[in-house]
PDB file of N, CA and C in Angstrom:
ATOM      1  N   MET A   1       0.853  -1.182   0.000  1.00  0.00           N
ATOM      2  CA  MET A   1       0.000   0.000   0.000  1.00  0.00           C
ATOM      3  C   MET A   1       0.895   1.241   0.000  1.00  0.00           C
ATOM      4  N   ASP A   2       0.523   2.198  -0.807  1.00  0.00           N
ATOM      5  CA  ASP A   2       1.288   3.441  -0.933  1.00  0.00           C
ATOM      6  C   ASP A   2       1.232   4.233   0.375  1.00  0.00           C
ATOM      7  N   ALA A   3       2.369   4.778   0.793  1.00  0.00           N
ATOM      8  CA  ALA A   3       2.454   5.529   2.054  1.00  0.00           C
ATOM      9  C   ALA A   3       1.609   6.792   2.032  1.00  0.00           C
ATOM     10  N   SER A   4       1.318   7.330   0.848  1.00  0.00           N
ATOM     11  CA  SER A   4       0.530   8.569   0.780  1.00  0.00           C
ATOM     12  C   SER A   4      -0.972   8.299   0.771  1.00  0.00           C
ATOM     13  N   PHE A   5      -1.366   7.022   0.740  1.00  0.00           N
ATOM     14  CA  PHE A   5      -2.791   6.697   0.693  1.00  0.00           C
ATOM     15  C   PHE A   5      -3.525   7.135   1.954  1.00  0.00           C
ATOM     16  N   MET A   6      -2.973   6.818   3.108  1.00  0.00           N
ATOM     17  CA  MET A   6      -3.667   7.102   4.372  1.00  0.00           C
ATOM     18  C   MET A   6      -3.901   8.596   4.586  1.00  0.00           C
ATOM     19  N   PRO A   7      -2.906   9.465   4.438  1.00  0.00           N
ATOM     20  CA  PRO A   7      -3.181  10.898   4.599  1.00  0.00           C
ATOM     21  C   PRO A   7      -4.215  11.411   3.590  1.00  0.00           C
ATOM     22  N   THR A   8      -4.159  10.909   2.366  1.00  0.00           N
ATOM     23  CA  THR A   8      -5.129  11.330   1.352  1.00  0.00           C
ATOM     24  C   THR A   8      -6.528  10.864   1.730  1.00  0.00           C
ATOM     25  N   ALA A   9      -6.651   9.620   2.183  1.00  0.00           N
ATOM     26  CA  ALA A   9      -7.954   9.085   2.583  1.00  0.00           C
ATOM     27  C   ALA A   9      -8.534   9.876   3.756  1.00  0.00           C
ATOM     28  N   VAL A  10      -7.706  10.159   4.750  1.00  0.00           N
ATOM     29  CA  VAL A  10      -8.165  10.945   5.902  1.00  0.00           C
ATOM     30  C   VAL A  10      -8.592  12.338   5.447  1.00  0.00           C
ATOM     31  N   GLY A  11      -7.825  12.945   4.553  1.00  0.00           N
ATOM     32  CA  GLY A  11      -8.173  14.269   4.033  1.00  0.00           C
ATOM     33  C   GLY A  11      -9.496  14.270   3.291  1.00  0.00           C
ATOM     34  N   ILE A  12      -9.749  13.235   2.511  1.00  0.00           N
ATOM     35  CA  ILE A  12     -11.008  13.149   1.766  1.00  0.00           C
ATOM     36  C   ILE A  12     -12.185  12.965   2.714  1.00  0.00           C
ATOM     37  N   VAL A  13     -12.048  12.079   3.690  1.00  0.00           N
ATOM     38  CA  VAL A  13     -13.137  11.872   4.661  1.00  0.00           C
ATOM     39  C   VAL A  13     -13.390  13.150   5.459  1.00  0.00           C
ATOM     40  N   ALA A  14     -12.325  13.812   5.897  1.00  0.00           N
ATOM     41  CA  ALA A  14     -12.480  15.080   6.630  1.00  0.00           C
ATOM     42  C   ALA A  14     -13.152  16.125   5.750  1.00  0.00           C
ATOM     43  N   GLY A  15     -12.770  16.189   4.488  1.00  0.00           N
ATOM     44  CA  GLY A  15     -13.386  17.133   3.560  1.00  0.00           C
ATOM     45  C   GLY A  15     -14.864  16.867   3.366  1.00  0.00           C
ATOM     46  N   LEU A  16     -15.231  15.596   3.253  1.00  0.00           N
ATOM     47  CA  LEU A  16     -16.647  15.242   3.103  1.00  0.00           C
ATOM     48  C   LEU A  16     -17.458  15.687   4.320  1.00  0.00           C
ATOM     49  N   PHE A  17     -16.953  15.380   5.518  1.00  0.00           N
ATOM     50  CA  PHE A  17     -17.669  15.770   6.734  1.00  0.00           C
ATOM     51  C   PHE A  17     -17.730  17.289   6.891  1.00  0.00           C
ATOM     52  N   SER A  18     -16.622  17.958   6.639  1.00  0.00           N
ATOM     53  CA  SER A  18     -16.593  19.422   6.770  1.00  0.00           C
ATOM     54  C   SER A  18     -17.566  20.082   5.805  1.00  0.00           C
ATOM     55  N   THR A  19     -17.574  19.603   4.576  1.00  0.00           N
ATOM     56  CA  THR A  19     -18.470  20.173   3.573  1.00  0.00           C
ATOM     57  C   THR A  19     -19.922  19.881   3.928  1.00  0.00           C
ATOM     58  N   TYR A  20     -20.210  18.635   4.307  1.00  0.00           N
ATOM     59  CA  TYR A  20     -21.581  18.255   4.638  1.00  0.00           C
ATOM     60  C   TYR A  20     -22.116  19.023   5.841  1.00  0.00           C
ATOM     61  N   SER A  21     -21.252  19.489   6.711  1.00  0.00           N
ATOM     62  CA  SER A  21     -21.711  20.168   7.928  1.00  0.00           C
ATOM     63  C   SER A  21     -22.557  21.407   7.631  1.00  0.00           C
ATOM     64  N   PHE A  22     -22.441  21.981   6.441  1.00  0.00           N
ATOM     65  CA  PHE A  22     -23.235  23.158   6.088  1.00  0.00           C
ATOM     66  C   PHE A  22     -24.588  22.803   5.486  1.00  0.00           C
ATOM     67  N   VAL A  23     -24.773  21.563   5.069  1.00  0.00           N
ATOM     68  CA  VAL A  23     -26.002  21.170   4.378  1.00  0.00           C
ATOM     69  C   VAL A  23     -27.245  21.320   5.257  1.00  0.00           C
ATOM     70  N   PRO A  24     -27.259  20.843   6.509  1.00  0.00           N
ATOM     71  CA  PRO A  24     -28.475  21.008   7.317  1.00  0.00           C
ATOM     72  C   PRO A  24     -28.888  22.479   7.498  1.00  0.00           C
ATOM     73  N   GLN A  25     -27.920  23.364   7.732  1.00  0.00           N
ATOM     74  CA  GLN A  25     -28.240  24.789   7.898  1.00  0.00           C
ATOM     75  C   GLN A  25     -28.775  25.371   6.600  1.00  0.00           C
ATOM     76  N   LEU A  26     -28.150  25.034   5.486  1.00  0.00           N
ATOM     77  CA  LEU A  26     -28.603  25.530   4.192  1.00  0.00           C
ATOM     78  C   LEU A  26     -30.021  25.065   3.902  1.00  0.00           C
ATOM     79  N   LEU A  27     -30.317  23.802   4.165  1.00  0.00           N
ATOM     80  CA  LEU A  27     -31.663  23.283   3.922  1.00  0.00           C
ATOM     81  C   LEU A  27     -32.694  23.963   4.820  1.00  0.00           C
ATOM     82  N   LYS A  28     -32.338  24.203   6.072  1.00  0.00           N
ATOM     83  CA  LYS A  28     -33.272  24.866   6.986  1.00  0.00           C
ATOM     84  C   LYS A  28     -33.576  26.282   6.513  1.00  0.00           C
ATOM     85  N   VAL A  29     -32.544  27.015   6.139  1.00  0.00           N
ATOM     86  CA  VAL A  29     -32.749  28.385   5.657  1.00  0.00           C
ATOM     87  C   VAL A  29     -33.565  28.365   4.373  1.00  0.00           C
ATOM     88  N   TRP A  30     -33.238  27.452   3.475  1.00  0.00           N
ATOM     89  CA  TRP A  30     -33.918  27.373   2.184  1.00  0.00           C
ATOM     90  C   TRP A  30     -35.396  27.003   2.352  1.00  0.00           C
ATOM     91  N   ARG A  31     -35.674  25.978   3.161  1.00  0.00           N
ATOM     92  CA  ARG A  31     -37.049  25.483   3.314  1.00  0.00           C
ATOM     93  C   ARG A  31     -37.901  26.366   4.210  1.00  0.00           C
ATOM     94  N   GLN A  32     -37.347  26.778   5.353  1.00  0.00           N
ATOM     95  CA  GLN A  32     -38.133  27.501   6.346  1.00  0.00           C
ATOM     96  C   GLN A  32     -37.946  29.004   6.271  1.00  0.00           C
ATOM     97  N   GLY A  33     -36.910  29.447   5.583  1.00  0.00           N
ATOM     98  CA  GLY A  33     -36.642  30.876   5.504  1.00  0.00           C
ATOM     99  C   GLY A  33     -36.204  31.457   6.835  1.00  0.00           C
ATOM    100  N   ASP A  34     -35.659  30.627   7.702  1.00  0.00           N
ATOM    101  CA  ASP A  34     -35.298  31.073   9.046  1.00  0.00           C
ATOM    102  C   ASP A  34     -33.841  31.519   9.096  1.00  0.00           C
ATOM    103  N   CYS A  35     -33.622  32.843   9.035  1.00  0.00           N
ATOM    104  CA  CYS A  35     -32.258  33.410   9.073  1.00  0.00           C
ATOM    105  C   CYS A  35     -32.001  34.187  10.351  1.00  0.00           C
ATOM    106  N   GLU A  36     -32.985  34.304  11.184  1.00  0.00           N
ATOM    107  CA  GLU A  36     -32.907  35.200  12.337  1.00  0.00           C
ATOM    108  C   GLU A  36     -31.716  34.912  13.244  1.00  0.00           C
ATOM    109  N   ALA A  37     -31.441  33.645  13.513  1.00  0.00           N
ATOM    110  CA  ALA A  37     -30.389  33.295  14.472  1.00  0.00           C
ATOM    111  C   ALA A  37     -29.018  33.111  13.826  1.00  0.00           C
ATOM    112  N   ILE A  38     -28.913  33.346  12.537  1.00  0.00           N
ATOM    113  CA  ILE A  38     -27.637  33.159  11.842  1.00  0.00           C
ATOM    114  C   ILE A  38     -26.763  34.391  12.041  1.00  0.00           C
ATOM    115  N   SER A  39     -25.517  34.153  12.382  1.00  0.00           N
ATOM    116  CA  SER A  39     -24.564  35.239  12.587  1.00  0.00           C
ATOM    117  C   SER A  39     -23.920  35.622  11.255  1.00  0.00           C
ATOM    118  N   LYS A  40     -24.206  36.835  10.820  1.00  0.00           N
ATOM    119  CA  LYS A  40     -23.621  37.330   9.577  1.00  0.00           C
ATOM    120  C   LYS A  40     -22.099  37.407   9.698  1.00  0.00           C
ATOM    121  N   ARG A  41     -21.619  37.867  10.820  1.00  0.00           N
ATOM    122  CA  ARG A  41     -20.175  38.008  11.033  1.00  0.00           C
ATOM    123  C   ARG A  41     -19.477  36.649  10.954  1.00  0.00           C
ATOM    124  N   MET A  42     -20.067  35.626  11.562  1.00  0.00           N
ATOM    125  CA  MET A  42     -19.468  34.295  11.525  1.00  0.00           C
ATOM    126  C   MET A  42     -19.374  33.783  10.092  1.00  0.00           C
ATOM    127  N   TYR A  43     -20.411  33.982   9.300  1.00  0.00           N
ATOM    128  CA  TYR A  43     -20.370  33.502   7.917  1.00  0.00           C
ATOM    129  C   TYR A  43     -19.436  34.344   7.053  1.00  0.00           C
ATOM    130  N   LEU A  44     -19.273  35.626   7.349  1.00  0.00           N
ATOM    131  CA  LEU A  44     -18.277  36.431   6.631  1.00  0.00           C
ATOM    132  C   LEU A  44     -16.867  35.897   6.886  1.00  0.00           C
ATOM    133  N   VAL A  45     -16.590  35.561   8.138  1.00  0.00           N
ATOM    134  CA  VAL A  45     -15.282  35.003   8.488  1.00  0.00           C
ATOM    135  C   VAL A  45     -15.109  33.628   7.835  1.00  0.00           C
ATOM    136  N   THR A  46     -16.149  32.813   7.854  1.00  0.00           N
ATOM    137  CA  THR A  46     -16.085  31.475   7.268  1.00  0.00           C
ATOM    138  C   THR A  46     -15.833  31.532   5.769  1.00  0.00           C
ATOM    139  N   VAL A  47     -16.547  32.406   5.068  1.00  0.00           N
ATOM    140  CA  VAL A  47     -16.364  32.555   3.621  1.00  0.00           C
ATOM    141  C   VAL A  47     -14.944  33.035   3.314  1.00  0.00           C
ATOM    142  N   THR A  48     -14.447  33.957   4.110  1.00  0.00           N
ATOM    143  CA  THR A  48     -13.073  34.436   3.929  1.00  0.00           C
ATOM    144  C   THR A  48     -12.074  33.299   4.153  1.00  0.00           C
ATOM    145  N   ALA A  49     -12.294  32.511   5.197  1.00  0.00           N
ATOM    146  CA  ALA A  49     -11.390  31.392   5.496  1.00  0.00           C
ATOM    147  C   ALA A  49     -11.381  30.374   4.357  1.00  0.00           C
ATOM    148  N   PHE A  50     -12.556  30.030   3.837  1.00  0.00           N
ATOM    149  CA  PHE A  50     -12.597  29.066   2.734  1.00  0.00           C
ATOM    150  C   PHE A  50     -11.912  29.621   1.491  1.00  0.00           C
ATOM    151  N   SER A  51     -12.051  30.906   1.248  1.00  0.00           N
ATOM    152  CA  SER A  51     -11.357  31.525   0.110  1.00  0.00           C
ATOM    153  C   SER A  51      -9.845  31.401   0.271  1.00  0.00           C
ATOM    154  N   LEU A  52      -9.367  31.614   1.489  1.00  0.00           N
ATOM    155  CA  LEU A  52      -7.932  31.479   1.755  1.00  0.00           C
ATOM    156  C   LEU A  52      -7.473  30.023   1.641  1.00  0.00           C
ATOM    157  N   TRP A  53      -8.299  29.080   2.101  1.00  0.00           N
ATOM    158  CA  TRP A  53      -7.959  27.662   1.966  1.00  0.00           C
ATOM    159  C   TRP A  53      -7.870  27.256   0.493  1.00  0.00           C
ATOM    160  N   ILE A  54      -8.761  27.792  -0.330  1.00  0.00           N
ATOM    161  CA  ILE A  54      -8.703  27.495  -1.764  1.00  0.00           C
ATOM    162  C   ILE A  54      -7.397  28.022  -2.344  1.00  0.00           C
ATOM    163  N   THR A  55      -7.031  29.240  -1.969  1.00  0.00           N
ATOM    164  CA  THR A  55      -5.763  29.815  -2.428  1.00  0.00           C
ATOM    165  C   THR A  55      -4.594  28.942  -1.986  1.00  0.00           C
ATOM    166  N   TYR A  56      -4.621  28.497  -0.749  1.00  0.00           N
ATOM    167  CA  TYR A  56      -3.577  27.606  -0.236  1.00  0.00           C
ATOM    168  C   TYR A  56      -3.536  26.309  -1.049  1.00  0.00           C
ATOM    169  N   GLY A  57      -4.700  25.745  -1.335  1.00  0.00           N
ATOM    170  CA  GLY A  57      -4.760  24.523  -2.131  1.00  0.00           C
ATOM    171  C   GLY A  57      -4.154  24.696  -3.510  1.00  0.00           C
ATOM    172  N   VAL A  58      -4.388  25.862  -4.113  1.00  0.00           N
ATOM    173  CA  VAL A  58      -3.785  26.155  -5.418  1.00  0.00           C
ATOM    174  C   VAL A  58      -2.267  26.246  -5.282  1.00  0.00           C
ATOM    175  N   LEU A  59      -1.809  26.929  -4.243  1.00  0.00           N
ATOM    176  CA  LEU A  59      -0.366  27.115  -4.050  1.00  0.00           C
ATOM    177  C   LEU A  59       0.381  25.804  -3.825  1.00  0.00           C
ATOM    178  N   ILE A  60      -0.255  24.867  -3.119  1.00  0.00           N
ATOM    179  CA  ILE A  60       0.411  23.578  -2.871  1.00  0.00           C
ATOM    180  C   ILE A  60      -0.044  22.512  -3.862  1.00  0.00           C
ATOM    181  N   ASP A  61      -0.893  22.892  -4.802  1.00  0.00           N
ATOM    182  CA  ASP A  61      -1.390  21.990  -5.843  1.00  0.00           C
ATOM    183  C   ASP A  61      -2.067  20.757  -5.244  1.00  0.00           C
ATOM    184  N   SER A  62      -3.022  21.012  -4.340  1.00  0.00           N
ATOM    185  CA  SER A  62      -3.748  19.931  -3.678  1.00  0.00           C
ATOM    186  C   SER A  62      -5.210  19.946  -4.112  1.00  0.00           C
ATOM    187  N   LEU A  63      -5.568  18.987  -4.952  1.00  0.00           N
ATOM    188  CA  LEU A  63      -6.942  18.911  -5.440  1.00  0.00           C
ATOM    189  C   LEU A  63      -7.962  18.735  -4.313  1.00  0.00           C
ATOM    190  N   PRO A  64      -7.737  17.841  -3.323  1.00  0.00           N
ATOM    191  CA  PRO A  64      -8.725  17.715  -2.247  1.00  0.00           C
ATOM    192  C   PRO A  64      -8.947  19.024  -1.479  1.00  0.00           C
ATOM    193  N   VAL A  65      -7.883  19.760  -1.195  1.00  0.00           N
ATOM    194  CA  VAL A  65      -8.023  21.033  -0.478  1.00  0.00           C
ATOM    195  C   VAL A  65      -8.829  22.017  -1.319  1.00  0.00           C
ATOM    196  N   MET A  66      -8.522  22.100  -2.602  1.00  0.00           N
ATOM    197  CA  MET A  66      -9.253  23.018  -3.485  1.00  0.00           C
ATOM    198  C   MET A  66     -10.710  22.594  -3.634  1.00  0.00           C
ATOM    199  N   LEU A  67     -10.946  21.297  -3.844  1.00  0.00           N
ATOM    200  CA  LEU A  67     -12.297  20.798  -4.099  1.00  0.00           C
ATOM    201  C   LEU A  67     -13.222  20.982  -2.903  1.00  0.00           C
ATOM    202  N   PHE A  68     -12.814  20.460  -1.757  1.00  0.00           N
ATOM    203  CA  PHE A  68     -13.706  20.497  -0.598  1.00  0.00           C
ATOM    204  C   PHE A  68     -13.909  21.910  -0.069  1.00  0.00           C
ATOM    205  N   ASN A  69     -12.898  22.737  -0.141  1.00  0.00           N
ATOM    206  CA  ASN A  69     -13.073  24.119   0.300  1.00  0.00           C
ATOM    207  C   ASN A  69     -13.901  24.922  -0.690  1.00  0.00           C
ATOM    208  N   SER A  70     -13.833  24.584  -1.972  1.00  0.00           N
ATOM    209  CA  SER A  70     -14.702  25.239  -2.956  1.00  0.00           C
ATOM    210  C   SER A  70     -16.161  24.874  -2.706  1.00  0.00           C
ATOM    211  N   LEU A  71     -16.420  23.593  -2.434  1.00  0.00           N
ATOM    212  CA  LEU A  71     -17.788  23.173  -2.128  1.00  0.00           C
ATOM    213  C   LEU A  71     -18.289  23.829  -0.841  1.00  0.00           C
ATOM    214  N   SER A  72     -17.433  23.876   0.170  1.00  0.00           N
ATOM    215  CA  SER A  72     -17.809  24.518   1.434  1.00  0.00           C
ATOM    216  C   SER A  72     -18.045  26.009   1.244  1.00  0.00           C
ATOM    217  N   LEU A  73     -17.243  26.647   0.399  1.00  0.00           N
ATOM    218  CA  LEU A  73     -17.443  28.064   0.092  1.00  0.00           C
ATOM    219  C   LEU A  73     -18.787  28.276  -0.592  1.00  0.00           C
ATOM    220  N   LEU A  74     -19.136  27.404  -1.507  1.00  0.00           N
ATOM    221  CA  LEU A  74     -20.423  27.502  -2.196  1.00  0.00           C
ATOM    222  C   LEU A  74     -21.584  27.390  -1.206  1.00  0.00           C
ATOM    223  N   LEU A  75     -21.521  26.420  -0.317  1.00  0.00           N
ATOM    224  CA  LEU A  75     -22.598  26.215   0.655  1.00  0.00           C
ATOM    225  C   LEU A  75     -22.675  27.357   1.668  1.00  0.00           C
ATOM    226  N   SER A  76     -21.548  27.703   2.272  1.00  0.00           N
ATOM    227  CA  SER A  76     -21.562  28.767   3.283  1.00  0.00           C
ATOM    228  C   SER A  76     -21.842  30.122   2.644  1.00  0.00           C
ATOM    229  N   GLY A  77     -21.357  30.330   1.429  1.00  0.00           N
ATOM    230  CA  GLY A  77     -21.654  31.572   0.713  1.00  0.00           C
ATOM    231  C   GLY A  77     -23.135  31.707   0.407  1.00  0.00           C
ATOM    232  N   SER A  78     -23.784  30.592   0.093  1.00  0.00           N
ATOM    233  CA  SER A  78     -25.228  30.615  -0.155  1.00  0.00           C
ATOM    234  C   SER A  78     -25.994  31.009   1.102  1.00  0.00           C
ATOM    235  N   ILE A  79     -25.583  30.460   2.233  1.00  0.00           N
ATOM    236  CA  ILE A  79     -26.223  30.821   3.502  1.00  0.00           C
ATOM    237  C   ILE A  79     -26.012  32.302   3.784  1.00  0.00           C
ATOM    238  N   LEU A  80     -24.801  32.789   3.577  1.00  0.00           N
ATOM    239  CA  LEU A  80     -24.506  34.203   3.803  1.00  0.00           C
ATOM    240  C   LEU A  80     -25.356  35.089   2.896  1.00  0.00           C
ATOM    241  N   LEU A  81     -25.481  34.738   1.630  1.00  0.00           N
ATOM    242  CA  LEU A  81     -26.300  35.545   0.713  1.00  0.00           C
ATOM    243  C   LEU A  81     -27.762  35.571   1.139  1.00  0.00           C
ATOM    244  N   MET A  82     -28.288  34.426   1.594  1.00  0.00           N
ATOM    245  CA  MET A  82     -29.675  34.407   2.074  1.00  0.00           C
ATOM    246  C   MET A  82     -29.826  35.262   3.326  1.00  0.00           C
ATOM    247  N   LYS A  83     -28.835  35.240   4.203  1.00  0.00           N
ATOM    248  CA  LYS A  83     -28.862  36.074   5.409  1.00  0.00           C
ATOM    249  C   LYS A  83     -28.828  37.551   5.035  1.00  0.00           C
ATOM    250  N   LEU A  84     -27.957  37.933   4.100  1.00  0.00           N
ATOM    251  CA  LEU A  84     -27.876  39.334   3.673  1.00  0.00           C
ATOM    252  C   LEU A  84     -29.185  39.785   3.038  1.00  0.00           C
ATOM    253  N   ARG A  85     -29.777  38.922   2.227  1.00  0.00           N
ATOM    254  CA  ARG A  85     -31.063  39.249   1.599  1.00  0.00           C
ATOM    255  C   ARG A  85     -32.153  39.416   2.661  1.00  0.00           C
ATOM    256  N   HIS A  86     -32.159  38.524   3.638  1.00  0.00           N
ATOM    257  CA  HIS A  86     -33.132  38.622   4.728  1.00  0.00           C
ATOM    258  C   HIS A  86     -32.971  39.934   5.490  1.00  0.00           C
ATOM    259  N   ASP A  87     -31.725  40.278   5.836  1.00  0.00           N
ATOM    260  CA  ASP A  87     -31.475  41.508   6.594  1.00  0.00           C
ATOM    261  C   ASP A  87     -31.882  42.743   5.800  1.00  0.00           C
ATOM    262  N   ARG A  88     -31.623  42.731   4.495  1.00  0.00           N
ATOM    263  CA  ARG A  88     -31.991  43.869   3.653  1.00  0.00           C
ATOM    264  C   ARG A  88     -33.510  44.022   3.597  1.00  0.00           C
ATOM    265  N   ARG A  89     -34.220  42.909   3.469  1.00  0.00           N
ATOM    266  CA  ARG A  89     -35.688  42.968   3.435  1.00  0.00           C
ATOM    267  C   ARG A  89     -36.255  43.436   4.770  1.00  0.00           C
ATOM    268  N   ALA A  90     -35.679  42.945   5.858  1.00  0.00           N
ATOM    269  CA  ALA A  90     -36.160  43.340   7.180  1.00  0.00           C
ATOM    270  C   ALA A  90     -35.926  44.826   7.414  1.00  0.00           C
ATOM    271  N   LYS A  91     -34.777  45.323   6.975  1.00  0.00           N
ATOM    272  CA  LYS A  91     -34.456  46.739   7.143  1.00  0.00           C
ATOM    273  C   LYS A  91     -35.385  47.621   6.311  1.00  0.00           C
ATOM    274  N   ALA A  92     -35.779  47.123   5.153  1.00  0.00           N
ATOM    275  CA  ALA A  92     -36.658  47.884   4.264  1.00  0.00           C
ATOM    276  C   ALA A  92     -38.122  47.800   4.693  1.00  0.00           C
ATOM    277  N   GLY A  93     -38.390  47.068   5.767  1.00  0.00           N
ATOM    278  CA  GLY A  93     -39.754  46.974   6.260  1.00  0.00           C
ATOM    279  C   GLY A  93     -40.501  45.776   5.732  1.00  0.00           C
ATOM    280  N   GLY A  94     -39.780  44.865   5.102  1.00  0.00           N
ATOM    281  CA  GLY A  94     -40.392  43.644   4.577  1.00  0.00           C
ATOM    282  C   GLY A  94     -40.577  42.645   5.690  1.00  0.00           C
ATOM    283  N   ALA A  95     -40.346  41.411   5.352  1.00  0.00           N
ATOM    284  CA  ALA A  95     -40.504  40.330   6.321  1.00  0.00           C
ATOM    285  C   ALA A  95     -39.554  40.546   7.496  1.00  0.00           C
ATOM    286  N   THR A  96     -40.058  40.333   8.697  1.00  0.00           N
ATOM    287  CA  THR A  96     -39.220  40.513   9.877  1.00  0.00           C
ATOM    288  C   THR A  96     -38.548  39.219  10.293  1.00  0.00           C
ATOM    289  N   THR A  97     -39.061  38.093   9.827  1.00  0.00           N
ATOM    290  CA  THR A  97     -38.411  36.824  10.132  1.00  0.00           C
ATOM    291  C   THR A  97     -38.385  35.968   8.886  1.00  0.00           C
ATOM    292  N   GLY A  98     -37.285  35.313   8.673  1.00  0.00           N
ATOM    293  CA  GLY A  98     -37.166  34.347   7.598  1.00  0.00           C
ATOM    294  C   GLY A  98     -37.205  34.924   6.209  1.00  0.00           C
ATOM    295  N   LEU A  99     -37.142  34.026   5.238  1.00  0.00           N
ATOM    296  CA  LEU A  99     -37.177  34.400   3.838  1.00  0.00           C
ATOM    297  C   LEU A  99     -38.488  34.005   3.184  1.00  0.00           C
ATOM    298  N   ALA A 100     -39.227  33.132   3.822  1.00  0.00           N
ATOM    299  CA  ALA A 100     -40.434  32.596   3.211  1.00  0.00           C
ATOM    300  C   ALA A 100     -41.502  33.670   3.065  1.00  0.00           C
ATOM    301  N   LYS A 101     -42.241  33.567   1.984  1.00  0.00           N
ATOM    302  CA  LYS A 101     -43.346  34.491   1.762  1.00  0.00           C
ATOM    303  C   LYS A 101     -44.537  34.042   2.595  1.00  0.00           C
ATOM    304  N   ALA A 102     -45.369  34.999   2.959  1.00  0.00           N
ATOM    305  CA  ALA A 102     -46.574  34.672   3.704  1.00  0.00           C
ATOM    306  C   ALA A 102     -47.500  33.864   2.806  1.00  0.00           C
ATOM    307  N   PRO A 103     -48.233  32.906   3.372  1.00  0.00           N
ATOM    308  CA  PRO A 103     -49.142  32.115   2.550  1.00  0.00           C
ATOM    309  C   PRO A 103     -50.230  32.994   1.946  1.00  0.00           C
ATOM    310  N   ALA A 104     -50.591  32.679   0.726  1.00  0.00           N
ATOM    311  CA  ALA A 104     -51.635  33.443   0.040  1.00  0.00           C
ATOM    312  C   ALA A 104     -52.982  33.123   0.665  1.00  0.00           C
ATOM    313  N   THR A 105     -53.777  34.156   0.828  1.00  0.00           N
ATOM    314  CA  THR A 105     -55.127  33.956   1.347  1.00  0.00           C
ATOM    315  C   THR A 105     -56.094  34.145   0.201  1.00  0.00           C
ATOM    316  N   GLY A 106     -56.738  33.110  -0.163  1.00  0.00           N
ATOM    317  CA  GLY A 106     -57.673  33.177  -1.291  1.00  0.00           C
ATOM    318  C   GLY A 106     -59.049  32.708  -0.875  1.00  0.00           C
ATOM    319  N   THR A 107     -59.993  33.082  -1.675  1.00  0.00           N
ATOM    320  CA  THR A 107     -61.356  32.638  -1.375  1.00  0.00           C
ATOM    321  C   THR A 107     -61.837  31.706  -2.425  1.00  0.00           C
TER     322      THR A 107
END
């Protein structure tokens, strides 16, 4: 067995778990429109960190580092964009909670 297999395997498994960790939050925000408890500052720092990790991956020519951090950037960036949109709507006097539209009332 190649000596570089184990570190690569551990890196791939860690990347999968790290990337997947954003999926439940993204689904909750997407489905329920619930952004109220999300920290904008935390996601700004997270998006910045993933951008730097991608740069690092390019510099060391590591496909797993570039791939998993790009996926994590996409997921966390999506959450951040939904949070920013929610905050802008709330500030403008729109919805005060979440992103979801109020149910239509018809007769």
